Amino acid sequence: SGIDTYGPISTVSRSDVNIIMTVNMKTHKILLTTTPRDAYVKIPGGGADQYDKLTHAGIYGVETSEQTLEDLYG
């Protein structure tokens, strides 16, 4: 997850870039999946399960961005 300000990933800010890396140990291939920052998704936790842009999940912490993507992709 990348944020829209300088500082460590623990800095509270919007998440501008979110990339999921999937590693297939059998084929030795890596798949990178990106989700548009303006995707309209349900944000759990501090987001109170309300729908908003994915970029706003970062305001509640990187863990919320992770959980939002986990919920989106199952």
N, C-alpha and C. Protein backbone atom coordinates (compact mmCIF):
# COMPACT_ATOMS: atom_id res chain seq x y z
N SER A 1 0.85 -1.17 0.00
CA SER A 1 0.00 0.00 0.00
C SER A 1 0.89 1.23 0.00
N GLY A 2 0.57 2.18 -0.85
CA GLY A 2 1.32 3.43 -0.91
C GLY A 2 0.42 4.57 -0.50
N ILE A 3 0.95 5.52 0.26
CA ILE A 3 0.14 6.63 0.75
C ILE A 3 0.48 7.92 0.00
N ASP A 4 -0.38 8.92 0.14
CA ASP A 4 -0.22 10.16 -0.63
C ASP A 4 0.56 11.24 0.11
N THR A 5 1.42 10.83 1.03
CA THR A 5 2.25 11.79 1.76
C THR A 5 3.59 11.12 2.08
N TYR A 6 4.55 11.90 2.51
CA TYR A 6 5.84 11.35 2.89
C TYR A 6 5.77 10.77 4.29
N GLY A 7 6.57 9.75 4.54
CA GLY A 7 6.63 9.18 5.87
C GLY A 7 6.44 7.68 5.84
N PRO A 8 6.47 7.05 7.00
CA PRO A 8 6.32 5.59 7.08
C PRO A 8 4.89 5.16 6.72
N ILE A 9 4.73 3.90 6.40
CA ILE A 9 3.42 3.36 6.02
C ILE A 9 2.41 3.50 7.15
N SER A 10 2.89 3.64 8.38
CA SER A 10 1.99 3.80 9.53
C SER A 10 1.39 5.21 9.61
N THR A 11 1.88 6.13 8.76
CA THR A 11 1.33 7.49 8.73
C THR A 11 -0.13 7.43 8.28
N VAL A 12 -0.99 8.17 8.96
CA VAL A 12 -2.41 8.20 8.60
C VAL A 12 -2.57 9.09 7.37
N SER A 13 -3.04 8.48 6.28
CA SER A 13 -3.20 9.21 5.02
C SER A 13 -4.01 8.36 4.07
N ARG A 14 -4.40 8.94 2.94
CA ARG A 14 -5.14 8.17 1.93
C ARG A 14 -4.20 7.18 1.26
N SER A 15 -4.75 6.03 0.90
CA SER A 15 -3.95 5.01 0.20
C SER A 15 -4.14 5.20 -1.30
N ASP A 16 -3.08 5.66 -1.98
CA ASP A 16 -3.17 5.94 -3.40
C ASP A 16 -2.91 4.72 -4.27
N VAL A 17 -2.06 3.83 -3.82
CA VAL A 17 -1.70 2.65 -4.60
C VAL A 17 -1.84 1.42 -3.71
N ASN A 18 -2.58 0.42 -4.19
CA ASN A 18 -2.71 -0.84 -3.47
C ASN A 18 -2.46 -1.97 -4.45
N ILE A 19 -1.45 -2.76 -4.19
CA ILE A 19 -1.09 -3.86 -5.08
C ILE A 19 -1.07 -5.15 -4.27
N ILE A 20 -1.76 -6.15 -4.79
CA ILE A 20 -1.76 -7.48 -4.17
C ILE A 20 -0.80 -8.35 -4.97
N MET A 21 0.13 -9.01 -4.28
CA MET A 21 1.07 -9.90 -4.94
C MET A 21 0.67 -11.34 -4.62
N THR A 22 0.45 -12.13 -5.67
CA THR A 22 0.13 -13.54 -5.52
C THR A 22 1.31 -14.34 -6.05
N VAL A 23 1.84 -15.23 -5.22
CA VAL A 23 2.99 -16.05 -5.62
C VAL A 23 2.52 -17.48 -5.79
N ASN A 24 2.70 -18.03 -6.99
CA ASN A 24 2.37 -19.42 -7.27
C ASN A 24 3.65 -20.24 -7.12
N MET A 25 3.74 -21.00 -6.04
CA MET A 25 4.95 -21.76 -5.75
C MET A 25 5.16 -22.92 -6.72
N LYS A 26 4.08 -23.41 -7.34
CA LYS A 26 4.21 -24.53 -8.28
C LYS A 26 4.76 -24.08 -9.63
N THR A 27 4.27 -22.96 -10.12
CA THR A 27 4.70 -22.48 -11.45
C THR A 27 5.82 -21.45 -11.36
N HIS A 28 6.14 -21.02 -10.14
CA HIS A 28 7.17 -20.01 -9.91
C HIS A 28 6.85 -18.71 -10.63
N LYS A 29 5.58 -18.35 -10.62
CA LYS A 29 5.14 -17.11 -11.25
C LYS A 29 4.53 -16.18 -10.20
N ILE A 30 4.61 -14.90 -10.48
CA ILE A 30 4.07 -13.88 -9.59
C ILE A 30 3.04 -13.07 -10.37
N LEU A 31 1.91 -12.82 -9.73
CA LEU A 31 0.84 -12.01 -10.31
C LEU A 31 0.65 -10.78 -9.44
N LEU A 32 0.71 -9.60 -10.06
CA LEU A 32 0.46 -8.35 -9.33
C LEU A 32 -0.90 -7.82 -9.76
N THR A 33 -1.77 -7.57 -8.78
CA THR A 33 -3.11 -7.08 -9.05
C THR A 33 -3.27 -5.70 -8.41
N THR A 34 -3.66 -4.73 -9.20
CA THR A 34 -3.90 -3.39 -8.67
C THR A 34 -5.38 -3.07 -8.79
N THR A 35 -5.88 -2.32 -7.84
CA THR A 35 -7.28 -1.91 -7.81
C THR A 35 -7.29 -0.39 -7.91
N PRO A 36 -8.10 0.18 -8.80
CA PRO A 36 -8.14 1.64 -8.92
C PRO A 36 -8.44 2.30 -7.59
N ARG A 37 -7.72 3.36 -7.29
CA ARG A 37 -7.87 4.06 -6.00
C ARG A 37 -9.26 4.63 -5.81
N ASP A 38 -9.97 4.89 -6.90
CA ASP A 38 -11.31 5.45 -6.81
C ASP A 38 -12.42 4.39 -6.89
N ALA A 39 -12.02 3.11 -6.79
CA ALA A 39 -13.02 2.04 -6.78
C ALA A 39 -13.95 2.24 -5.59
N TYR A 40 -15.24 2.07 -5.81
CA TYR A 40 -16.25 2.26 -4.77
C TYR A 40 -16.43 0.94 -4.04
N VAL A 41 -15.94 0.86 -2.81
CA VAL A 41 -15.91 -0.40 -2.05
C VAL A 41 -16.45 -0.19 -0.64
N LYS A 42 -16.79 -1.30 0.02
CA LYS A 42 -17.22 -1.25 1.42
C LYS A 42 -15.97 -1.22 2.30
N ILE A 43 -15.91 -0.23 3.19
CA ILE A 43 -14.74 -0.08 4.06
C ILE A 43 -15.11 -0.53 5.47
N PRO A 44 -14.49 -1.63 5.94
CA PRO A 44 -14.81 -2.17 7.27
C PRO A 44 -14.14 -1.38 8.39
N GLY A 45 -14.34 -1.82 9.60
CA GLY A 45 -13.66 -1.23 10.76
C GLY A 45 -14.11 0.20 10.99
N GLY A 46 -13.11 1.11 11.04
CA GLY A 46 -13.40 2.52 11.27
C GLY A 46 -14.29 3.12 10.20
N GLY A 47 -14.34 2.48 9.03
CA GLY A 47 -15.20 2.94 7.95
C GLY A 47 -16.66 2.56 8.14
N ALA A 48 -16.93 1.80 9.21
CA ALA A 48 -18.30 1.41 9.59
C ALA A 48 -19.05 0.68 8.47
N ASP A 49 -18.31 -0.08 7.66
CA ASP A 49 -18.91 -0.86 6.56
C ASP A 49 -19.66 0.01 5.56
N GLN A 50 -19.31 1.28 5.49
CA GLN A 50 -19.94 2.17 4.51
C GLN A 50 -19.16 2.10 3.20
N TYR A 51 -19.84 2.40 2.11
CA TYR A 51 -19.18 2.41 0.81
C TYR A 51 -18.53 3.77 0.58
N ASP A 52 -17.31 3.72 0.05
CA ASP A 52 -16.55 4.92 -0.24
C ASP A 52 -15.44 4.54 -1.21
N LYS A 53 -14.64 5.51 -1.60
CA LYS A 53 -13.50 5.23 -2.48
C LYS A 53 -12.45 4.42 -1.72
N LEU A 54 -11.79 3.51 -2.42
CA LEU A 54 -10.74 2.70 -1.81
C LEU A 54 -9.66 3.57 -1.19
N THR A 55 -9.33 4.68 -1.81
CA THR A 55 -8.28 5.56 -1.28
C THR A 55 -8.58 6.04 0.13
N HIS A 56 -9.86 6.15 0.49
CA HIS A 56 -10.23 6.63 1.82
C HIS A 56 -10.05 5.56 2.90
N ALA A 57 -9.88 4.31 2.53
CA ALA A 57 -9.63 3.24 3.52
C ALA A 57 -8.34 3.51 4.28
N GLY A 58 -7.36 4.12 3.62
CA GLY A 58 -6.07 4.40 4.25
C GLY A 58 -6.17 5.35 5.43
N ILE A 59 -7.21 6.17 5.45
CA ILE A 59 -7.39 7.11 6.56
C ILE A 59 -7.56 6.35 7.87
N TYR A 60 -8.08 5.13 7.80
CA TYR A 60 -8.31 4.30 8.99
C TYR A 60 -7.14 3.38 9.29
N GLY A 61 -6.05 3.50 8.53
CA GLY A 61 -4.85 2.68 8.75
C GLY A 61 -4.65 1.66 7.65
N VAL A 62 -3.41 1.23 7.49
CA VAL A 62 -3.07 0.29 6.44
C VAL A 62 -3.80 -1.05 6.62
N GLU A 63 -4.08 -1.41 7.88
CA GLU A 63 -4.80 -2.66 8.13
C GLU A 63 -6.21 -2.60 7.54
N THR A 64 -6.83 -1.43 7.57
CA THR A 64 -8.17 -1.29 6.99
C THR A 64 -8.10 -1.39 5.47
N SER A 65 -7.05 -0.83 4.87
CA SER A 65 -6.87 -1.00 3.42
C SER A 65 -6.72 -2.47 3.07
N GLU A 66 -5.94 -3.19 3.86
CA GLU A 66 -5.75 -4.63 3.63
C GLU A 66 -7.07 -5.37 3.76
N GLN A 67 -7.82 -5.09 4.82
CA GLN A 67 -9.08 -5.80 5.05
C GLN A 67 -10.09 -5.46 3.96
N THR A 68 -10.11 -4.22 3.50
CA THR A 68 -11.01 -3.82 2.43
C THR A 68 -10.75 -4.64 1.17
N LEU A 69 -9.48 -4.80 0.81
CA LEU A 69 -9.12 -5.58 -0.37
C LEU A 69 -9.40 -7.07 -0.16
N GLU A 70 -9.14 -7.58 1.03
CA GLU A 70 -9.44 -8.98 1.31
C GLU A 70 -10.93 -9.24 1.14
N ASP A 71 -11.75 -8.33 1.66
CA ASP A 71 -13.20 -8.48 1.53
C ASP A 71 -13.63 -8.36 0.08
N LEU A 72 -13.03 -7.45 -0.66
CA LEU A 72 -13.39 -7.25 -2.07
C LEU A 72 -13.08 -8.47 -2.92
N TYR A 73 -11.92 -9.06 -2.72
CA TYR A 73 -11.48 -10.18 -3.56
C TYR A 73 -11.77 -11.56 -2.97
N GLY A 74 -12.23 -11.58 -1.73
CA GLY A 74 -12.57 -12.87 -1.11
C GLY A 74 -11.35 -13.70 -0.84
